[in-house]
């Protein structure tokens, strides 16, 4: 029975935390007097890394840039992370867990923190859209497979 318990899959959230956050308003206060609607650009990134045996950190980074013409109104960068214990899973299941399940857990915290930072800075709230992490993961895997399948051979010339 003890052997069976050791082999059971383990997936536990150890901690979710705001790893990094920054806000810049390089053109304040003048830009705050502008009446024009700013453009908003949102970039997201997901990364996963082992911490120790069976423990992984998964982090999502959001960069929100708002501009009026070519001047930045504000720039928010935030990295939300989670520490997960993941043990006794087949290797082919680990990558989807790190690329789909863990980001789905961490992302709502990131959305909340970005909205809070923007609001506290005195701007209308920016809500990050819901993300389909399974679709994002599948696209990344397809791109990776395509890149690996089309690696150019190295040709050296004298």
N, C-alpha and C. Protein backbone atom coordinates (compact mmCIF):
# COMPACT_ATOMS: atom_id res chain seq x y z
N UNK A 1 0.82 -1.20 0.00
CA UNK A 1 0.00 0.00 0.00
C UNK A 1 0.86 1.26 0.00
N UNK A 2 1.96 1.22 0.77
CA UNK A 2 2.85 2.39 0.82
C UNK A 2 3.46 2.66 -0.54
N UNK A 3 3.81 1.56 -1.28
CA UNK A 3 4.36 1.74 -2.62
C UNK A 3 3.36 2.42 -3.54
N UNK A 4 2.08 2.05 -3.42
CA UNK A 4 1.04 2.64 -4.26
C UNK A 4 0.91 4.14 -3.98
N UNK A 5 0.97 4.54 -2.71
CA UNK A 5 0.85 5.95 -2.35
C UNK A 5 2.02 6.76 -2.91
N UNK A 6 3.21 6.17 -2.92
CA UNK A 6 4.37 6.87 -3.44
C UNK A 6 4.25 7.09 -4.94
N UNK A 7 3.53 6.23 -5.64
CA UNK A 7 3.42 6.32 -7.08
C UNK A 7 2.20 7.11 -7.54
N UNK A 8 1.28 7.47 -6.64
CA UNK A 8 0.12 8.26 -7.02
C UNK A 8 0.56 9.63 -7.51
N UNK A 9 -0.06 10.12 -8.57
CA UNK A 9 0.28 11.45 -9.06
C UNK A 9 0.00 12.52 -8.00
N UNK A 10 0.86 13.51 -7.93
CA UNK A 10 0.71 14.61 -6.98
C UNK A 10 0.69 15.92 -7.76
N UNK A 11 -0.33 16.74 -7.48
CA UNK A 11 -0.39 18.09 -8.04
C UNK A 11 -0.93 18.98 -6.94
N UNK A 12 -0.07 19.85 -6.41
CA UNK A 12 -0.48 20.74 -5.33
C UNK A 12 0.07 22.14 -5.58
N UNK A 13 -0.76 23.13 -5.26
CA UNK A 13 -0.31 24.52 -5.31
C UNK A 13 0.40 24.80 -4.00
N UNK A 14 1.64 25.19 -4.07
CA UNK A 14 2.38 25.55 -2.86
C UNK A 14 2.19 27.02 -2.51
N UNK A 15 2.21 27.87 -3.55
CA UNK A 15 2.09 29.32 -3.32
C UNK A 15 1.85 30.02 -4.65
N UNK A 16 1.06 31.09 -4.61
CA UNK A 16 0.89 31.99 -5.74
C UNK A 16 1.30 33.36 -5.25
N UNK A 17 2.17 34.05 -6.01
CA UNK A 17 2.69 35.32 -5.52
C UNK A 17 3.01 36.27 -6.67
N UNK A 18 2.98 37.55 -6.36
CA UNK A 18 3.38 38.58 -7.30
C UNK A 18 4.89 38.68 -7.22
N UNK A 19 5.56 38.27 -8.28
CA UNK A 19 7.02 38.21 -8.27
C UNK A 19 7.65 39.56 -8.61
N UNK A 20 6.97 40.30 -9.50
CA UNK A 20 7.55 41.57 -9.95
C UNK A 20 6.42 42.47 -10.45
N UNK A 21 6.53 43.75 -10.18
CA UNK A 21 5.55 44.71 -10.72
C UNK A 21 6.21 46.07 -10.85
N UNK A 22 5.89 46.75 -11.96
CA UNK A 22 6.41 48.10 -12.13
C UNK A 22 5.39 48.92 -12.90
N UNK A 23 5.41 50.22 -12.62
CA UNK A 23 4.54 51.17 -13.29
C UNK A 23 5.39 52.37 -13.68
N UNK A 24 5.25 52.79 -14.92
CA UNK A 24 5.96 53.98 -15.37
C UNK A 24 4.95 54.93 -16.02
N UNK A 25 5.08 56.20 -15.71
CA UNK A 25 4.30 57.26 -16.34
C UNK A 25 5.29 58.32 -16.81
N UNK A 26 6.03 58.03 -17.86
CA UNK A 26 7.13 58.91 -18.25
C UNK A 26 6.72 60.30 -18.73
N UNK A 27 5.49 60.47 -19.16
CA UNK A 27 5.07 61.77 -19.71
C UNK A 27 4.05 62.48 -18.84
N UNK A 28 3.94 62.05 -17.59
CA UNK A 28 3.03 62.74 -16.67
C UNK A 28 3.74 63.97 -16.13
N UNK A 29 3.03 65.02 -15.84
CA UNK A 29 1.58 65.17 -15.84
C UNK A 29 1.01 65.66 -17.17
N UNK A 30 1.84 66.10 -18.11
CA UNK A 30 1.34 66.69 -19.35
C UNK A 30 0.41 65.75 -20.11
N UNK A 31 0.76 64.49 -20.20
CA UNK A 31 -0.04 63.54 -20.98
C UNK A 31 -1.43 63.36 -20.38
N UNK A 32 -1.56 63.62 -19.09
CA UNK A 32 -2.86 63.46 -18.43
C UNK A 32 -3.87 64.51 -18.87
N UNK A 33 -3.40 65.57 -19.49
CA UNK A 33 -4.29 66.63 -19.96
C UNK A 33 -4.82 66.34 -21.37
N UNK A 34 -4.27 65.33 -22.03
CA UNK A 34 -4.72 64.96 -23.38
C UNK A 34 -6.14 64.41 -23.33
N UNK A 35 -6.93 64.75 -24.32
CA UNK A 35 -8.31 64.28 -24.38
C UNK A 35 -8.46 63.06 -25.30
N UNK A 36 -7.45 62.79 -26.09
CA UNK A 36 -7.53 61.69 -27.04
C UNK A 36 -7.51 60.33 -26.33
N UNK A 37 -8.20 59.35 -26.94
CA UNK A 37 -8.20 58.00 -26.38
C UNK A 37 -6.85 57.34 -26.65
N UNK A 38 -6.26 56.73 -25.64
CA UNK A 38 -4.98 56.06 -25.86
C UNK A 38 -5.17 54.70 -26.54
N UNK A 39 -4.12 54.23 -27.19
CA UNK A 39 -4.10 52.86 -27.69
C UNK A 39 -3.51 51.98 -26.60
N UNK A 40 -3.96 50.75 -26.53
CA UNK A 40 -3.49 49.83 -25.49
C UNK A 40 -2.90 48.60 -26.17
N UNK A 41 -1.68 48.25 -25.78
CA UNK A 41 -1.01 47.07 -26.29
C UNK A 41 -0.70 46.15 -25.11
N UNK A 42 -1.11 44.90 -25.20
CA UNK A 42 -0.89 43.94 -24.11
C UNK A 42 -0.10 42.76 -24.65
N UNK A 43 1.01 42.46 -24.00
CA UNK A 43 1.86 41.32 -24.35
C UNK A 43 1.91 40.37 -23.16
N UNK A 44 1.77 39.07 -23.43
CA UNK A 44 1.81 38.07 -22.37
C UNK A 44 2.90 37.05 -22.67
N UNK A 45 3.51 36.53 -21.61
CA UNK A 45 4.49 35.46 -21.75
C UNK A 45 4.35 34.48 -20.61
N UNK A 46 4.57 33.20 -20.90
CA UNK A 46 4.49 32.14 -19.88
C UNK A 46 5.83 31.45 -19.84
N UNK A 47 6.31 31.19 -18.63
CA UNK A 47 7.55 30.44 -18.48
C UNK A 47 7.42 29.47 -17.31
N UNK A 48 8.08 28.34 -17.41
CA UNK A 48 8.07 27.34 -16.35
C UNK A 48 9.49 26.84 -16.14
N UNK A 49 9.84 26.63 -14.87
CA UNK A 49 11.19 26.16 -14.56
C UNK A 49 11.17 25.30 -13.31
N UNK A 50 11.98 24.25 -13.30
CA UNK A 50 12.07 23.45 -12.08
C UNK A 50 12.80 24.25 -10.99
N UNK A 51 12.35 24.08 -9.75
CA UNK A 51 13.01 24.73 -8.61
C UNK A 51 13.89 23.69 -7.92
N UNK A 52 13.29 22.62 -7.49
CA UNK A 52 13.97 21.44 -6.97
C UNK A 52 13.17 20.23 -7.46
N UNK A 53 13.63 19.04 -7.17
CA UNK A 53 12.95 17.83 -7.61
C UNK A 53 11.45 17.86 -7.26
N UNK A 54 10.60 17.82 -8.29
CA UNK A 54 9.16 17.77 -8.08
C UNK A 54 8.49 19.10 -7.79
N UNK A 55 9.27 20.19 -7.76
CA UNK A 55 8.73 21.53 -7.48
C UNK A 55 9.05 22.42 -8.66
N UNK A 56 8.02 23.11 -9.17
CA UNK A 56 8.17 23.95 -10.35
C UNK A 56 7.61 25.34 -10.10
N UNK A 57 8.26 26.33 -10.71
CA UNK A 57 7.72 27.69 -10.71
C UNK A 57 7.18 27.96 -12.10
N UNK A 58 5.93 28.43 -12.16
CA UNK A 58 5.31 28.85 -13.41
C UNK A 58 4.99 30.32 -13.27
N UNK A 59 5.45 31.13 -14.22
CA UNK A 59 5.25 32.58 -14.15
C UNK A 59 4.63 33.09 -15.45
N UNK A 60 3.73 34.05 -15.29
CA UNK A 60 3.13 34.72 -16.43
C UNK A 60 3.49 36.20 -16.32
N UNK A 61 4.02 36.74 -17.40
CA UNK A 61 4.38 38.15 -17.44
C UNK A 61 3.43 38.89 -18.36
N UNK A 62 2.93 40.03 -17.90
CA UNK A 62 2.09 40.90 -18.72
C UNK A 62 2.77 42.25 -18.84
N UNK A 63 2.80 42.77 -20.06
CA UNK A 63 3.29 44.12 -20.30
C UNK A 63 2.15 44.88 -20.96
N UNK A 64 1.68 45.93 -20.29
CA UNK A 64 0.58 46.74 -20.79
C UNK A 64 1.14 48.13 -21.09
N UNK A 65 1.06 48.51 -22.37
CA UNK A 65 1.57 49.81 -22.79
C UNK A 65 0.41 50.61 -23.37
N UNK A 66 0.19 51.81 -22.86
CA UNK A 66 -0.82 52.70 -23.43
C UNK A 66 -0.12 53.94 -23.95
N UNK A 67 -0.54 54.36 -25.15
CA UNK A 67 0.09 55.51 -25.80
C UNK A 67 -0.97 56.42 -26.39
N UNK A 68 -0.64 57.69 -26.44
CA UNK A 68 -1.38 58.66 -27.22
C UNK A 68 -0.39 59.18 -28.24
N UNK A 69 -0.71 58.94 -29.50
CA UNK A 69 0.21 59.19 -30.61
C UNK A 69 1.48 58.39 -30.34
N UNK A 70 2.62 59.04 -30.21
CA UNK A 70 3.85 58.29 -29.96
C UNK A 70 4.34 58.44 -28.53
N UNK A 71 3.51 59.02 -27.65
CA UNK A 71 3.92 59.22 -26.26
C UNK A 71 3.25 58.22 -25.34
N UNK A 72 4.06 57.63 -24.46
CA UNK A 72 3.55 56.65 -23.51
C UNK A 72 2.76 57.35 -22.42
N UNK A 73 1.53 56.85 -22.20
CA UNK A 73 0.72 57.33 -21.08
C UNK A 73 1.16 56.58 -19.83
N UNK A 74 1.10 55.24 -19.90
CA UNK A 74 1.67 54.44 -18.81
C UNK A 74 2.10 53.09 -19.34
N UNK A 75 3.01 52.49 -18.59
CA UNK A 75 3.53 51.17 -18.90
C UNK A 75 3.50 50.36 -17.62
N UNK A 76 2.82 49.24 -17.64
CA UNK A 76 2.77 48.35 -16.47
C UNK A 76 3.38 47.02 -16.88
N UNK A 77 4.31 46.55 -16.07
CA UNK A 77 4.87 45.22 -16.24
C UNK A 77 4.65 44.47 -14.93
N UNK A 78 4.06 43.29 -15.03
CA UNK A 78 3.82 42.49 -13.84
C UNK A 78 4.11 41.04 -14.15
N UNK A 79 4.71 40.37 -13.17
CA UNK A 79 4.99 38.93 -13.29
C UNK A 79 4.37 38.25 -12.08
N UNK A 80 3.40 37.40 -12.37
CA UNK A 80 2.72 36.62 -11.33
C UNK A 80 3.24 35.20 -11.44
N UNK A 81 3.55 34.60 -10.31
CA UNK A 81 4.13 33.26 -10.33
C UNK A 81 3.43 32.35 -9.34
N UNK A 82 3.62 31.08 -9.58
CA UNK A 82 3.11 30.07 -8.67
C UNK A 82 4.14 28.98 -8.50
N UNK A 83 4.15 28.40 -7.32
CA UNK A 83 5.02 27.26 -7.06
C UNK A 83 4.11 26.04 -6.94
N UNK A 84 4.43 25.02 -7.71
CA UNK A 84 3.59 23.83 -7.78
C UNK A 84 4.42 22.58 -7.50
N UNK A 85 3.84 21.69 -6.71
CA UNK A 85 4.45 20.38 -6.49
C UNK A 85 3.79 19.43 -7.49
N UNK A 86 4.60 18.85 -8.35
CA UNK A 86 4.11 17.94 -9.37
C UNK A 86 5.03 16.73 -9.37
N UNK A 87 4.46 15.59 -8.98
CA UNK A 87 5.27 14.37 -8.89
C UNK A 87 4.53 13.18 -9.49
N UNK A 88 5.30 12.19 -9.89
CA UNK A 88 4.78 10.90 -10.34
C UNK A 88 3.87 11.02 -11.55
N UNK A 89 4.20 11.92 -12.45
CA UNK A 89 3.47 12.04 -13.71
C UNK A 89 4.37 11.56 -14.84
N UNK A 90 3.78 10.93 -15.85
CA UNK A 90 4.59 10.59 -17.02
C UNK A 90 5.12 11.87 -17.67
N UNK A 91 6.30 11.77 -18.26
CA UNK A 91 6.94 12.95 -18.87
C UNK A 91 6.05 13.64 -19.89
N UNK A 92 5.26 12.86 -20.64
CA UNK A 92 4.42 13.47 -21.67
C UNK A 92 3.25 14.26 -21.08
N UNK A 93 2.96 14.08 -19.79
CA UNK A 93 1.89 14.84 -19.14
C UNK A 93 2.40 16.07 -18.40
N UNK A 94 3.68 16.09 -18.08
CA UNK A 94 4.25 17.20 -17.31
C UNK A 94 4.20 18.51 -18.09
N UNK A 95 4.61 18.48 -19.34
CA UNK A 95 4.64 19.71 -20.13
C UNK A 95 3.26 20.36 -20.26
N UNK A 96 2.18 19.60 -20.58
CA UNK A 96 0.85 20.24 -20.63
C UNK A 96 0.39 20.77 -19.27
N UNK A 97 0.75 20.11 -18.20
CA UNK A 97 0.38 20.61 -16.87
C UNK A 97 1.05 21.96 -16.63
N UNK A 98 2.35 22.05 -16.95
CA UNK A 98 3.09 23.30 -16.75
C UNK A 98 2.65 24.39 -17.73
N UNK A 99 2.22 24.00 -18.92
CA UNK A 99 1.87 24.98 -19.94
C UNK A 99 0.40 25.36 -19.99
N UNK A 100 -0.46 24.54 -19.36
CA UNK A 100 -1.90 24.82 -19.42
C UNK A 100 -2.50 24.97 -18.02
N UNK A 101 -2.42 23.91 -17.22
CA UNK A 101 -3.10 23.90 -15.92
C UNK A 101 -2.54 24.95 -14.95
N UNK A 102 -1.23 25.02 -14.84
CA UNK A 102 -0.62 25.97 -13.90
C UNK A 102 -0.90 27.43 -14.31
N UNK A 103 -0.71 27.79 -15.58
CA UNK A 103 -1.04 29.17 -15.97
C UNK A 103 -2.51 29.53 -15.72
N UNK A 104 -3.41 28.57 -15.90
CA UNK A 104 -4.83 28.84 -15.64
C UNK A 104 -5.07 29.18 -14.17
N UNK A 105 -4.27 28.65 -13.30
CA UNK A 105 -4.40 28.93 -11.87
C UNK A 105 -3.81 30.30 -11.54
N UNK A 106 -2.66 30.62 -12.13
CA UNK A 106 -1.93 31.85 -11.82
C UNK A 106 -2.56 33.09 -12.46
N UNK A 107 -3.09 32.94 -13.67
CA UNK A 107 -3.54 34.08 -14.47
C UNK A 107 -4.59 34.98 -13.79
N UNK A 108 -5.60 34.45 -13.13
CA UNK A 108 -6.56 35.36 -12.48
C UNK A 108 -5.92 36.32 -11.47
N UNK A 109 -4.89 35.88 -10.80
CA UNK A 109 -4.17 36.74 -9.86
C UNK A 109 -3.46 37.86 -10.62
N UNK A 110 -2.86 37.52 -11.76
CA UNK A 110 -2.19 38.52 -12.58
C UNK A 110 -3.19 39.55 -13.07
N UNK A 111 -4.34 39.10 -13.57
CA UNK A 111 -5.38 40.01 -14.07
C UNK A 111 -5.78 40.99 -12.97
N UNK A 112 -5.99 40.48 -11.77
CA UNK A 112 -6.40 41.32 -10.65
C UNK A 112 -5.32 42.33 -10.29
N UNK A 113 -4.07 41.88 -10.25
CA UNK A 113 -2.98 42.79 -9.87
C UNK A 113 -2.76 43.88 -10.92
N UNK A 114 -2.84 43.54 -12.20
CA UNK A 114 -2.67 44.56 -13.24
C UNK A 114 -3.80 45.58 -13.15
N UNK A 115 -5.04 45.12 -13.00
CA UNK A 115 -6.18 46.04 -12.87
C UNK A 115 -6.00 46.95 -11.66
N UNK A 116 -5.52 46.40 -10.55
CA UNK A 116 -5.31 47.18 -9.33
C UNK A 116 -4.22 48.24 -9.52
N UNK A 117 -3.12 47.86 -10.14
CA UNK A 117 -2.02 48.81 -10.36
C UNK A 117 -2.48 49.98 -11.23
N UNK A 118 -3.17 49.66 -12.31
CA UNK A 118 -3.63 50.69 -13.24
C UNK A 118 -4.62 51.63 -12.54
N UNK A 119 -5.54 51.06 -11.78
CA UNK A 119 -6.54 51.88 -11.06
C UNK A 119 -5.87 52.76 -10.02
N UNK A 120 -4.92 52.20 -9.28
CA UNK A 120 -4.22 52.98 -8.25
C UNK A 120 -3.37 54.10 -8.85
N UNK A 121 -2.99 53.92 -10.13
CA UNK A 121 -2.23 54.96 -10.82
C UNK A 121 -3.13 56.10 -11.30
N UNK A 122 -4.44 55.92 -11.14
CA UNK A 122 -5.36 56.99 -11.51
C UNK A 122 -5.94 56.87 -12.90
N UNK A 123 -5.84 55.70 -13.51
CA UNK A 123 -6.34 55.49 -14.86
C UNK A 123 -7.55 54.57 -14.83
N UNK A 124 -8.35 54.62 -15.89
CA UNK A 124 -9.45 53.65 -15.98
C UNK A 124 -8.87 52.23 -16.00
N UNK A 125 -9.57 51.32 -15.38
CA UNK A 125 -9.08 49.95 -15.24
C UNK A 125 -8.85 49.30 -16.60
N UNK A 126 -7.76 48.58 -16.70
CA UNK A 126 -7.46 47.75 -17.86
C UNK A 126 -7.71 46.31 -17.43
N UNK A 127 -8.64 45.66 -18.12
CA UNK A 127 -8.92 44.26 -17.82
C UNK A 127 -8.24 43.38 -18.86
N UNK A 128 -7.36 42.51 -18.41
CA UNK A 128 -6.74 41.56 -19.31
C UNK A 128 -7.82 40.54 -19.72
N UNK A 129 -7.87 40.21 -20.99
CA UNK A 129 -8.86 39.27 -21.50
C UNK A 129 -8.59 37.87 -20.96
N UNK A 130 -9.64 37.06 -20.97
CA UNK A 130 -9.47 35.65 -20.64
C UNK A 130 -8.55 35.03 -21.70
N UNK A 131 -7.77 34.07 -21.29
CA UNK A 131 -6.83 33.41 -22.19
C UNK A 131 -7.14 31.92 -22.24
N UNK A 132 -7.13 31.36 -23.43
CA UNK A 132 -7.26 29.92 -23.60
C UNK A 132 -5.85 29.35 -23.61
N UNK A 133 -5.37 28.92 -22.44
CA UNK A 133 -3.99 28.47 -22.34
C UNK A 133 -3.77 27.16 -23.09
N UNK A 134 -4.82 26.36 -23.25
CA UNK A 134 -4.65 25.12 -24.03
C UNK A 134 -4.36 25.46 -25.48
N UNK A 135 -5.10 26.39 -26.05
CA UNK A 135 -4.87 26.81 -27.43
C UNK A 135 -3.48 27.44 -27.57
N UNK A 136 -3.11 28.29 -26.62
CA UNK A 136 -1.80 28.95 -26.65
C UNK A 136 -0.68 27.89 -26.59
N UNK A 137 -0.84 26.90 -25.72
CA UNK A 137 0.15 25.83 -25.57
C UNK A 137 0.27 25.03 -26.87
N UNK A 138 -0.89 24.68 -27.46
CA UNK A 138 -0.87 23.89 -28.69
C UNK A 138 -0.20 24.66 -29.84
N UNK A 139 -0.44 25.96 -29.91
CA UNK A 139 0.23 26.78 -30.94
C UNK A 139 1.73 26.80 -30.73
N UNK A 140 2.16 26.95 -29.47
CA UNK A 140 3.59 26.97 -29.17
C UNK A 140 4.23 25.63 -29.53
N UNK A 141 3.54 24.54 -29.22
CA UNK A 141 4.08 23.21 -29.52
C UNK A 141 4.19 23.00 -31.04
N UNK A 142 3.18 23.47 -31.78
CA UNK A 142 3.20 23.35 -33.24
C UNK A 142 4.35 24.16 -33.82
N UNK A 143 4.57 25.39 -33.30
CA UNK A 143 5.67 26.22 -33.78
C UNK A 143 7.01 25.56 -33.48
N UNK A 144 7.12 25.00 -32.28
CA UNK A 144 8.35 24.33 -31.87
C UNK A 144 8.63 23.13 -32.78
N UNK A 145 7.62 22.33 -33.06
CA UNK A 145 7.78 21.17 -33.93
C UNK A 145 8.17 21.60 -35.34
N UNK A 146 7.57 22.68 -35.81
CA UNK A 146 7.88 23.18 -37.15
C UNK A 146 9.33 23.68 -37.21
N UNK A 147 9.75 24.40 -36.16
CA UNK A 147 11.13 24.90 -36.14
C UNK A 147 12.13 23.75 -36.09
N UNK A 148 11.83 22.74 -35.30
CA UNK A 148 12.75 21.61 -35.18
C UNK A 148 12.79 20.79 -36.46
N UNK A 149 11.66 20.72 -37.15
CA UNK A 149 11.60 19.96 -38.39
C UNK A 149 12.25 20.67 -39.55
N UNK A 150 12.41 21.98 -39.43
CA UNK A 150 12.96 22.75 -40.54
C UNK A 150 14.28 23.42 -40.17
N UNK A 151 15.02 22.80 -39.30
CA UNK A 151 16.32 23.36 -38.94
C UNK A 151 17.23 23.34 -40.16
N UNK A 152 17.76 24.48 -40.55
CA UNK A 152 18.66 24.49 -41.70
C UNK A 152 19.97 23.79 -41.34
N UNK A 153 20.53 23.08 -42.28
CA UNK A 153 21.80 22.46 -42.02
C UNK A 153 22.87 23.53 -42.04
N UNK A 154 23.88 23.30 -41.28
CA UNK A 154 24.97 24.29 -41.18
C UNK A 154 25.97 24.00 -42.31
N UNK A 155 26.19 25.01 -43.08
CA UNK A 155 27.14 24.88 -44.20
C UNK A 155 28.30 25.81 -43.91
N UNK A 156 29.47 25.23 -43.94
CA UNK A 156 30.65 26.08 -43.74
C UNK A 156 31.39 26.23 -45.05
N UNK A 157 31.89 27.39 -45.27
CA UNK A 157 32.66 27.64 -46.49
C UNK A 157 34.06 28.07 -46.09
N UNK A 158 34.99 27.70 -46.91
CA UNK A 158 36.38 28.04 -46.61
C UNK A 158 36.71 29.39 -47.16
